[in-house]
Every structure is written in C-alpha cells, then in structure tokens.
C-alpha atoms as a PDB file:
ATOM      1  CA  MET A   1       1.197-204.079  60.008  1.00  0.00           C
ATOM      2  CA  ALA A   2      -2.177-205.642  60.740  1.00  0.00           C
ATOM      3  CA  ASP A   3      -3.719-202.256  61.575  1.00  0.00           C
ATOM      4  CA  ASN A   4      -1.781-199.953  59.255  1.00  0.00           C
ATOM      5  CA  PHE A   5      -3.469-199.600  55.865  1.00  0.00           C
ATOM      6  CA  LEU A   6      -0.561-197.701  54.318  1.00  0.00           C
ATOM      7  CA  ALA A   7       1.914-200.447  55.256  1.00  0.00           C
ATOM      8  CA  GLN A   8      -0.427-203.091  53.857  1.00  0.00           C
ATOM      9  CA  PHE A   9      -0.874-201.126  50.651  1.00  0.00           C
ATOM     10  CA  ILE A  10       2.883-200.720  50.214  1.00  0.00           C
ATOM     11  CA  ALA A  11       3.445-204.431  50.888  1.00  0.00           C
ATOM     12  CA  TRP A  12       0.707-205.302  48.380  1.00  0.00           C
ATOM     13  CA  GLY A  13       2.295-203.067  45.755  1.00  0.00           C
ATOM     14  CA  LEU A  14       5.731-204.573  46.304  1.00  0.00           C
ATOM     15  CA  LEU A  15       4.375-208.128  46.151  1.00  0.00           C
ATOM     16  CA  SER A  16       2.468-207.278  42.971  1.00  0.00           C
ATOM     17  CA  ALA A  17       5.547-205.835  41.291  1.00  0.00           C
ATOM     18  CA  PHE A  18       7.666-208.792  42.381  1.00  0.00           C
ATOM     19  CA  SER A  19       5.148-211.334  41.086  1.00  0.00           C
ATOM     20  CA  TYR A  20       5.007-209.720  37.656  1.00  0.00           C
ATOM     21  CA  TYR A  21       8.812-209.437  37.618  1.00  0.00           C
ATOM     22  CA  CYS A  22       9.108-213.179  38.333  1.00  0.00           C
ATOM     23  CA  ALA A  23       6.542-214.056  35.659  1.00  0.00           C
ATOM     24  CA  ALA A  24       8.286-211.874  33.070  1.00  0.00           C
ATOM     25  CA  THR A  25      11.650-213.393  33.983  1.00  0.00           C
ATOM     26  CA  VAL A  26      10.303-216.908  33.446  1.00  0.00           C
ATOM     27  CA  LYS A  27       8.784-215.740  30.145  1.00  0.00           C
ATOM     28  CA  HIS A  28      12.135-214.440  28.968  1.00  0.00           C
ATOM     29  CA  ILE A  29      13.938-217.618  30.038  1.00  0.00           C
ATOM     30  CA  VAL A  30      11.420-219.739  28.120  1.00  0.00           C
ATOM     31  CA  GLN A  31      11.916-217.587  25.040  1.00  0.00           C
ATOM     32  CA  GLU A  32      15.709-217.756  25.390  1.00  0.00           C
ATOM     33  CA  LEU A  33      15.404-221.543  25.348  1.00  0.00           C
ATOM     34  CA  GLY A  34      13.768-221.266  21.933  1.00  0.00           C
ATOM     35  CA  TYR A  35      10.087-221.690  22.776  1.00  0.00           C
ATOM     36  CA  CYS A  36       7.311-219.223  21.946  1.00  0.00           C
ATOM     37  CA  GLU A  37       9.564-217.110  19.743  1.00  0.00           C
ATOM     38  CA  ASP A  38       7.046-216.521  16.963  1.00  0.00           C
ATOM     39  CA  PHE A  39       4.423-213.789  17.201  1.00  0.00           C
ATOM     40  CA  ALA A  40       1.534-216.040  18.258  1.00  0.00           C
ATOM     41  CA  GLY A  41       3.619-217.869  20.853  1.00  0.00           C
ATOM     42  CA  GLY A  42       5.007-214.625  22.204  1.00  0.00           C
ATOM     43  CA  GLN A  43       1.506-213.262  22.527  1.00  0.00           C
ATOM     44  CA  ARG A  44       0.324-216.373  24.403  1.00  0.00           C
ATOM     45  CA  ILE A  45       3.223-216.417  26.833  1.00  0.00           C
ATOM     46  CA  SER A  46       2.874-212.670  27.452  1.00  0.00           C
ATOM     47  CA  TRP A  47      -0.801-213.074  28.308  1.00  0.00           C
ATOM     48  CA  ALA A  48       0.128-215.991  30.583  1.00  0.00           C
ATOM     49  CA  ALA A  49       2.677-213.804  32.409  1.00  0.00           C
ATOM     50  CA  LEU A  50       0.081-211.057  32.827  1.00  0.00           C
ATOM     51  CA  ALA A  51      -2.497-213.574  34.068  1.00  0.00           C
ATOM     52  CA  PHE A  52      -0.044-214.987  36.609  1.00  0.00           C
ATOM     53  CA  GLY A  53       0.834-211.507  37.815  1.00  0.00           C
ATOM     54  CA  ALA A  54      -2.822-210.509  38.131  1.00  0.00           C
ATOM     55  CA  THR A  55      -3.734-213.744  39.919  1.00  0.00           C
ATOM     56  CA  PHE A  56      -0.900-213.376  42.393  1.00  0.00           C
ATOM     57  CA  THR A  57      -1.811-209.722  42.928  1.00  0.00           C
ATOM     58  CA  VAL A  58      -5.350-210.708  43.920  1.00  0.00           C
ATOM     59  CA  LEU A  59      -4.077-213.524  46.154  1.00  0.00           C
ATOM     60  CA  ALA A  60      -1.609-211.168  47.850  1.00  0.00           C
ATOM     61  CA  GLY A  61      -4.441-208.695  48.497  1.00  0.00           C
ATOM     62  CA  VAL A  62      -6.621-211.423  49.990  1.00  0.00           C
ATOM     63  CA  TYR A  63      -3.736-212.580  52.176  1.00  0.00           C
ATOM     64  CA  LEU A  64      -2.944-209.081  53.424  1.00  0.00           C
ATOM     65  CA  TRP A  65      -6.481-207.845  54.019  1.00  0.00           C
ATOM     66  CA  ALA A  66      -8.292-211.022  55.071  1.00  0.00           C
END
C-alpha cells in the first residue's frame, strides 16, 4: 500500500467517512442524553462534529502520505 496511490486514496476516503460517522454518532448520543437540544446548541455540536471529522481527515491524509 505504500506505493499504490489508489489504495491510499481509498483508505483515506474510508477513514474520513468513518471519522465523521463516529463524530455524528457521538453528537446524536449527546443529544439523546438531553444536551444541546435547542437550535443554538445543536448548531454548535454539529460544527464540532464537522470540525472533528475534518481534523481527522487531515491527520489520516498526513499519516497515509507522509
């Protein structure tokens, strides 16, 4: 996999999707527990989930291609 760009790209895509899935799952669990249920709180926690997913996507890319 170290020399195959297509394999690295597929792995990066799968890791990116999985990281956002995990962040969204945690977001939903937090909201099911009764936190961040209003509009402003929901907006904040959604942005946090997106930020976590984007950060992990960048870190996964650095790990795979560095």
